[in-house]
Amino acid sequence: NLRFLSSAGVGIIFTYVRKFRANGGDIVLCNVPAAIFYVLSELDLADYLSIAQDLRAATAACGNAP
């Protein structure tokens, strides 16, 4: 139900992505609303982030497919 993502929110996401990746992990965003994905794409951030279509795809991307 996310409708807005501020620059502070983007900063927090990137802080955690960097921390997780530095420790061999990652954060996978899923069910990203089209408006939010558009903003991430326009900022050239969508390619940097791991984004999955839904929870099942995100789980599979983490190697934890049911």
PDB file of N, CA and C in Angstrom:
ATOM      1  N   ASN A   1       0.810  -1.202   0.000  1.00  0.00           N
ATOM      2  CA  ASN A   1       0.000   0.000   0.000  1.00  0.00           C
ATOM      3  C   ASN A   1       0.852   1.264   0.000  1.00  0.00           C
ATOM      4  N   LEU A   2       2.133   1.117  -0.300  1.00  0.00           N
ATOM      5  CA  LEU A   2       3.030   2.266  -0.333  1.00  0.00           C
ATOM      6  C   LEU A   2       2.676   3.162  -1.510  1.00  0.00           C
ATOM      7  N   ARG A   3       2.452   4.428  -1.222  1.00  0.00           N
ATOM      8  CA  ARG A   3       2.088   5.379  -2.282  1.00  0.00           C
ATOM      9  C   ARG A   3       3.156   6.439  -2.509  1.00  0.00           C
ATOM     10  N   PHE A   4       4.038   6.610  -1.523  1.00  0.00           N
ATOM     11  CA  PHE A   4       5.032   7.674  -1.589  1.00  0.00           C
ATOM     12  C   PHE A   4       6.318   7.170  -0.965  1.00  0.00           C
ATOM     13  N   LEU A   5       7.438   7.510  -1.567  1.00  0.00           N
ATOM     14  CA  LEU A   5       8.743   7.159  -1.019  1.00  0.00           C
ATOM     15  C   LEU A   5       9.592   8.421  -1.033  1.00  0.00           C
ATOM     16  N   SER A   6       9.905   8.916   0.154  1.00  0.00           N
ATOM     17  CA  SER A   6      10.696  10.140   0.254  1.00  0.00           C
ATOM     18  C   SER A   6      12.174   9.839   0.031  1.00  0.00           C
ATOM     19  N   SER A   7      12.949  10.892  -0.119  1.00  0.00           N
ATOM     20  CA  SER A   7      14.398  10.711  -0.272  1.00  0.00           C
ATOM     21  C   SER A   7      14.991  10.084   0.987  1.00  0.00           C
ATOM     22  N   ALA A   8      14.412  10.370   2.135  1.00  0.00           N
ATOM     23  CA  ALA A   8      14.877   9.746   3.381  1.00  0.00           C
ATOM     24  C   ALA A   8      14.613   8.241   3.344  1.00  0.00           C
ATOM     25  N   GLY A   9      13.457   7.846   2.819  1.00  0.00           N
ATOM     26  CA  GLY A   9      13.134   6.428   2.693  1.00  0.00           C
ATOM     27  C   GLY A   9      14.090   5.717   1.756  1.00  0.00           C
ATOM     28  N   VAL A  10      14.427   6.361   0.639  1.00  0.00           N
ATOM     29  CA  VAL A  10      15.386   5.794  -0.296  1.00  0.00           C
ATOM     30  C   VAL A  10      16.742   5.646   0.392  1.00  0.00           C
ATOM     31  N   GLY A  11      17.125   6.646   1.167  1.00  0.00           N
ATOM     32  CA  GLY A  11      18.400   6.588   1.889  1.00  0.00           C
ATOM     33  C   GLY A  11      18.452   5.436   2.875  1.00  0.00           C
ATOM     34  N   ILE A  12      17.369   5.194   3.569  1.00  0.00           N
ATOM     35  CA  ILE A  12      17.320   4.089   4.532  1.00  0.00           C
ATOM     36  C   ILE A  12      17.431   2.751   3.810  1.00  0.00           C
ATOM     37  N   ILE A  13      16.703   2.611   2.702  1.00  0.00           N
ATOM     38  CA  ILE A  13      16.791   1.368   1.932  1.00  0.00           C
ATOM     39  C   ILE A  13      18.231   1.119   1.504  1.00  0.00           C
ATOM     40  N   PHE A  14      18.894   2.147   0.978  1.00  0.00           N
ATOM     41  CA  PHE A  14      20.267   1.972   0.516  1.00  0.00           C
ATOM     42  C   PHE A  14      21.237   1.687   1.654  1.00  0.00           C
ATOM     43  N   THR A  15      21.009   2.277   2.802  1.00  0.00           N
ATOM     44  CA  THR A  15      21.855   1.987   3.963  1.00  0.00           C
ATOM     45  C   THR A  15      21.802   0.506   4.285  1.00  0.00           C
ATOM     46  N   TYR A  16      20.598  -0.054   4.322  1.00  0.00           N
ATOM     47  CA  TYR A  16      20.454  -1.470   4.643  1.00  0.00           C
ATOM     48  C   TYR A  16      20.934  -2.377   3.517  1.00  0.00           C
ATOM     49  N   VAL A  17      20.716  -1.986   2.273  1.00  0.00           N
ATOM     50  CA  VAL A  17      21.214  -2.784   1.153  1.00  0.00           C
ATOM     51  C   VAL A  17      22.732  -2.877   1.225  1.00  0.00           C
ATOM     52  N   ARG A  18      23.398  -1.765   1.465  1.00  0.00           N
ATOM     53  CA  ARG A  18      24.866  -1.774   1.581  1.00  0.00           C
ATOM     54  C   ARG A  18      25.323  -2.651   2.734  1.00  0.00           C
ATOM     55  N   LYS A  19      24.663  -2.544   3.893  1.00  0.00           N
ATOM     56  CA  LYS A  19      25.039  -3.362   5.058  1.00  0.00           C
ATOM     57  C   LYS A  19      24.846  -4.842   4.771  1.00  0.00           C
ATOM     58  N   PHE A  20      23.709  -5.210   4.197  1.00  0.00           N
ATOM     59  CA  PHE A  20      23.451  -6.616   3.909  1.00  0.00           C
ATOM     60  C   PHE A  20      24.438  -7.155   2.882  1.00  0.00           C
ATOM     61  N   ARG A  21      24.663  -6.391   1.814  1.00  0.00           N
ATOM     62  CA  ARG A  21      25.582  -6.852   0.764  1.00  0.00           C
ATOM     63  C   ARG A  21      27.012  -6.957   1.270  1.00  0.00           C
ATOM     64  N   ALA A  22      27.406  -6.075   2.171  1.00  0.00           N
ATOM     65  CA  ALA A  22      28.754  -6.140   2.750  1.00  0.00           C
ATOM     66  C   ALA A  22      28.949  -7.418   3.555  1.00  0.00           C
ATOM     67  N   ASN A  23      27.847  -7.993   4.005  1.00  0.00           N
ATOM     68  CA  ASN A  23      27.903  -9.223   4.789  1.00  0.00           C
ATOM     69  C   ASN A  23      27.449 -10.449   3.993  1.00  0.00           C
ATOM     70  N   GLY A  24      27.440 -10.314   2.662  1.00  0.00           N
ATOM     71  CA  GLY A  24      27.119 -11.440   1.797  1.00  0.00           C
ATOM     72  C   GLY A  24      25.638 -11.685   1.578  1.00  0.00           C
ATOM     73  N   GLY A  25      24.805 -10.769   2.002  1.00  0.00           N
ATOM     74  CA  GLY A  25      23.360 -10.927   1.830  1.00  0.00           C
ATOM     75  C   GLY A  25      22.812  -9.908   0.850  1.00  0.00           C
ATOM     76  N   ASP A  26      21.527  -9.723   0.887  1.00  0.00           N
ATOM     77  CA  ASP A  26      20.878  -8.742   0.028  1.00  0.00           C
ATOM     78  C   ASP A  26      19.480  -8.473   0.574  1.00  0.00           C
ATOM     79  N   ILE A  27      18.864  -7.459   0.073  1.00  0.00           N
ATOM     80  CA  ILE A  27      17.468  -7.145   0.364  1.00  0.00           C
ATOM     81  C   ILE A  27      16.738  -7.200  -0.967  1.00  0.00           C
ATOM     82  N   VAL A  28      15.640  -7.925  -0.998  1.00  0.00           N
ATOM     83  CA  VAL A  28      14.839  -8.031  -2.213  1.00  0.00           C
ATOM     84  C   VAL A  28      13.500  -7.341  -1.961  1.00  0.00           C
ATOM     85  N   LEU A  29      13.225  -6.307  -2.732  1.00  0.00           N
ATOM     86  CA  LEU A  29      11.940  -5.629  -2.643  1.00  0.00           C
ATOM     87  C   LEU A  29      10.935  -6.398  -3.489  1.00  0.00           C
ATOM     88  N   CYS A  30       9.703  -6.476  -3.024  1.00  0.00           N
ATOM     89  CA  CYS A  30       8.692  -7.163  -3.821  1.00  0.00           C
ATOM     90  C   CYS A  30       7.372  -6.412  -3.737  1.00  0.00           C
ATOM     91  N   ASN A  31       6.520  -6.695  -4.722  1.00  0.00           N
ATOM     92  CA  ASN A  31       5.216  -6.030  -4.810  1.00  0.00           C
ATOM     93  C   ASN A  31       5.359  -4.512  -4.840  1.00  0.00           C
ATOM     94  N   VAL A  32       6.369  -4.027  -5.528  1.00  0.00           N
ATOM     95  CA  VAL A  32       6.621  -2.588  -5.605  1.00  0.00           C
ATOM     96  C   VAL A  32       5.547  -1.954  -6.489  1.00  0.00           C
ATOM     97  N   PRO A  33       4.802  -0.997  -5.952  1.00  0.00           N
ATOM     98  CA  PRO A  33       3.775  -0.333  -6.755  1.00  0.00           C
ATOM     99  C   PRO A  33       4.388   0.347  -7.984  1.00  0.00           C
ATOM    100  N   ALA A  34       3.617   0.401  -9.059  1.00  0.00           N
ATOM    101  CA  ALA A  34       4.108   0.959 -10.319  1.00  0.00           C
ATOM    102  C   ALA A  34       4.647   2.375 -10.156  1.00  0.00           C
ATOM    103  N   ALA A  35       3.977   3.195  -9.374  1.00  0.00           N
ATOM    104  CA  ALA A  35       4.428   4.583  -9.187  1.00  0.00           C
ATOM    105  C   ALA A  35       5.788   4.638  -8.486  1.00  0.00           C
ATOM    106  N   ILE A  36       5.995   3.762  -7.521  1.00  0.00           N
ATOM    107  CA  ILE A  36       7.281   3.723  -6.802  1.00  0.00           C
ATOM    108  C   ILE A  36       8.367   3.167  -7.722  1.00  0.00           C
ATOM    109  N   PHE A  37       8.046   2.121  -8.480  1.00  0.00           N
ATOM    110  CA  PHE A  37       9.010   1.561  -9.421  1.00  0.00           C
ATOM    111  C   PHE A  37       9.410   2.598 -10.456  1.00  0.00           C
ATOM    112  N   TYR A  38       8.459   3.376 -10.912  1.00  0.00           N
ATOM    113  CA  TYR A  38       8.741   4.439 -11.881  1.00  0.00           C
ATOM    114  C   TYR A  38       9.750   5.434 -11.309  1.00  0.00           C
ATOM    115  N   VAL A  39       9.555   5.845 -10.083  1.00  0.00           N
ATOM    116  CA  VAL A  39      10.476   6.795  -9.444  1.00  0.00           C
ATOM    117  C   VAL A  39      11.863   6.176  -9.324  1.00  0.00           C
ATOM    118  N   LEU A  40      11.935   4.925  -8.870  1.00  0.00           N
ATOM    119  CA  LEU A  40      13.232   4.250  -8.740  1.00  0.00           C
ATOM    120  C   LEU A  40      13.913   4.138 -10.103  1.00  0.00           C
ATOM    121  N   SER A  41      13.130   3.861 -11.139  1.00  0.00           N
ATOM    122  CA  SER A  41      13.684   3.760 -12.492  1.00  0.00           C
ATOM    123  C   SER A  41      14.207   5.103 -12.985  1.00  0.00           C
ATOM    124  N   GLU A  42      13.436   6.145 -12.762  1.00  0.00           N
ATOM    125  CA  GLU A  42      13.843   7.481 -13.197  1.00  0.00           C
ATOM    126  C   GLU A  42      15.116   7.941 -12.492  1.00  0.00           C
ATOM    127  N   LEU A  43      15.326   7.481 -11.280  1.00  0.00           N
ATOM    128  CA  LEU A  43      16.528   7.824 -10.521  1.00  0.00           C
ATOM    129  C   LEU A  43      17.676   6.860 -10.804  1.00  0.00           C
ATOM    130  N   ASP A  44      17.472   5.947 -11.772  1.00  0.00           N
ATOM    131  CA  ASP A  44      18.459   4.910 -12.110  1.00  0.00           C
ATOM    132  C   ASP A  44      18.822   4.044 -10.913  1.00  0.00           C
ATOM    133  N   LEU A  45      17.844   3.799 -10.054  1.00  0.00           N
ATOM    134  CA  LEU A  45      18.074   2.981  -8.866  1.00  0.00           C
ATOM    135  C   LEU A  45      17.496   1.577  -9.011  1.00  0.00           C
ATOM    136  N   ALA A  46      16.575   1.395  -9.925  1.00  0.00           N
ATOM    137  CA  ALA A  46      15.909   0.101 -10.078  1.00  0.00           C
ATOM    138  C   ALA A  46      16.902  -0.991 -10.468  1.00  0.00           C
ATOM    139  N   ASP A  47      17.920  -0.658 -11.253  1.00  0.00           N
ATOM    140  CA  ASP A  47      18.908  -1.658 -11.652  1.00  0.00           C
ATOM    141  C   ASP A  47      19.844  -2.018 -10.505  1.00  0.00           C
ATOM    142  N   TYR A  48      20.028  -1.124  -9.566  1.00  0.00           N
ATOM    143  CA  TYR A  48      20.905  -1.373  -8.426  1.00  0.00           C
ATOM    144  C   TYR A  48      20.221  -2.260  -7.397  1.00  0.00           C
ATOM    145  N   LEU A  49      18.929  -2.078  -7.228  1.00  0.00           N
ATOM    146  CA  LEU A  49      18.178  -2.827  -6.227  1.00  0.00           C
ATOM    147  C   LEU A  49      17.736  -4.179  -6.768  1.00  0.00           C
ATOM    148  N   SER A  50      17.551  -5.127  -5.873  1.00  0.00           N
ATOM    149  CA  SER A  50      16.966  -6.413  -6.236  1.00  0.00           C
ATOM    150  C   SER A  50      15.463  -6.279  -6.051  1.00  0.00           C
ATOM    151  N   ILE A  51      14.736  -6.363  -7.170  1.00  0.00           N
ATOM    152  CA  ILE A  51      13.283  -6.178  -7.131  1.00  0.00           C
ATOM    153  C   ILE A  51      12.623  -7.402  -7.757  1.00  0.00           C
ATOM    154  N   ALA A  52      11.671  -7.977  -7.024  1.00  0.00           N
ATOM    155  CA  ALA A  52      10.930  -9.138  -7.503  1.00  0.00           C
ATOM    156  C   ALA A  52       9.465  -8.765  -7.681  1.00  0.00           C
ATOM    157  N   GLN A  53       8.798  -9.487  -8.560  1.00  0.00           N
ATOM    158  CA  GLN A  53       7.392  -9.223  -8.853  1.00  0.00           C
ATOM    159  C   GLN A  53       6.495  -9.437  -7.635  1.00  0.00           C
ATOM    160  N   ASP A  54       6.770 -10.520  -6.865  1.00  0.00           N
ATOM    161  CA  ASP A  54       5.923 -10.847  -5.724  1.00  0.00           C
ATOM    162  C   ASP A  54       6.744 -11.585  -4.667  1.00  0.00           C
ATOM    163  N   LEU A  55       6.111 -11.955  -3.571  1.00  0.00           N
ATOM    164  CA  LEU A  55       6.813 -12.597  -2.470  1.00  0.00           C
ATOM    165  C   LEU A  55       7.412 -13.930  -2.884  1.00  0.00           C
ATOM    166  N   ARG A  56       6.703 -14.678  -3.693  1.00  0.00           N
ATOM    167  CA  ARG A  56       7.220 -15.981  -4.154  1.00  0.00           C
ATOM    168  C   ARG A  56       8.516 -15.804  -4.944  1.00  0.00           C
ATOM    169  N   ALA A  57       8.538 -14.832  -5.852  1.00  0.00           N
ATOM    170  CA  ALA A  57       9.747 -14.567  -6.643  1.00  0.00           C
ATOM    171  C   ALA A  57      10.876 -14.039  -5.762  1.00  0.00           C
ATOM    172  N   ALA A  58      10.537 -13.214  -4.781  1.00  0.00           N
ATOM    173  CA  ALA A  58      11.553 -12.696  -3.856  1.00  0.00           C
ATOM    174  C   ALA A  58      12.158 -13.814  -3.039  1.00  0.00           C
ATOM    175  N   THR A  59      11.316 -14.716  -2.571  1.00  0.00           N
ATOM    176  CA  THR A  59      11.797 -15.863  -1.792  1.00  0.00           C
ATOM    177  C   THR A  59      12.702 -16.743  -2.643  1.00  0.00           C
ATOM    178  N   ALA A  60      12.313 -16.971  -3.880  1.00  0.00           N
ATOM    179  CA  ALA A  60      13.136 -17.773  -4.779  1.00  0.00           C
ATOM    180  C   ALA A  60      14.475 -17.091  -5.063  1.00  0.00           C
ATOM    181  N   ALA A  61      14.462 -15.759  -5.185  1.00  0.00           N
ATOM    182  CA  ALA A  61      15.700 -15.015  -5.437  1.00  0.00           C
ATOM    183  C   ALA A  61      16.664 -15.143  -4.262  1.00  0.00           C
ATOM    184  N   CYS A  62      16.131 -15.404  -3.087  1.00  0.00           N
ATOM    185  CA  CYS A  62      16.962 -15.569  -1.895  1.00  0.00           C
ATOM    186  C   CYS A  62      17.412 -17.002  -1.723  1.00  0.00           C
ATOM    187  N   GLY A  63      16.992 -17.871  -2.634  1.00  0.00           N
ATOM    188  CA  GLY A  63      17.376 -19.281  -2.537  1.00  0.00           C
ATOM    189  C   GLY A  63      16.544 -20.052  -1.533  1.00  0.00           C
ATOM    190  N   ASN A  64      15.373 -19.528  -1.210  1.00  0.00           N
ATOM    191  CA  ASN A  64      14.514 -20.177  -0.231  1.00  0.00           C
ATOM    192  C   ASN A  64      13.162 -20.524  -0.814  1.00  0.00           C
ATOM    193  N   ALA A  65      13.163 -21.019  -2.046  1.00  0.00           N
ATOM    194  CA  ALA A  65      11.892 -21.354  -2.695  1.00  0.00           C
ATOM    195  C   ALA A  65      11.183 -22.459  -1.926  1.00  0.00           C
ATOM    196  N   PRO A  66       9.849 -22.307  -1.772  1.00  0.00           N
ATOM    197  CA  PRO A  66       9.092 -23.327  -1.021  1.00  0.00           C
ATOM    198  C   PRO A  66       9.021 -24.655  -1.743  1.00  0.00           C
TER     199      PRO A  66
END
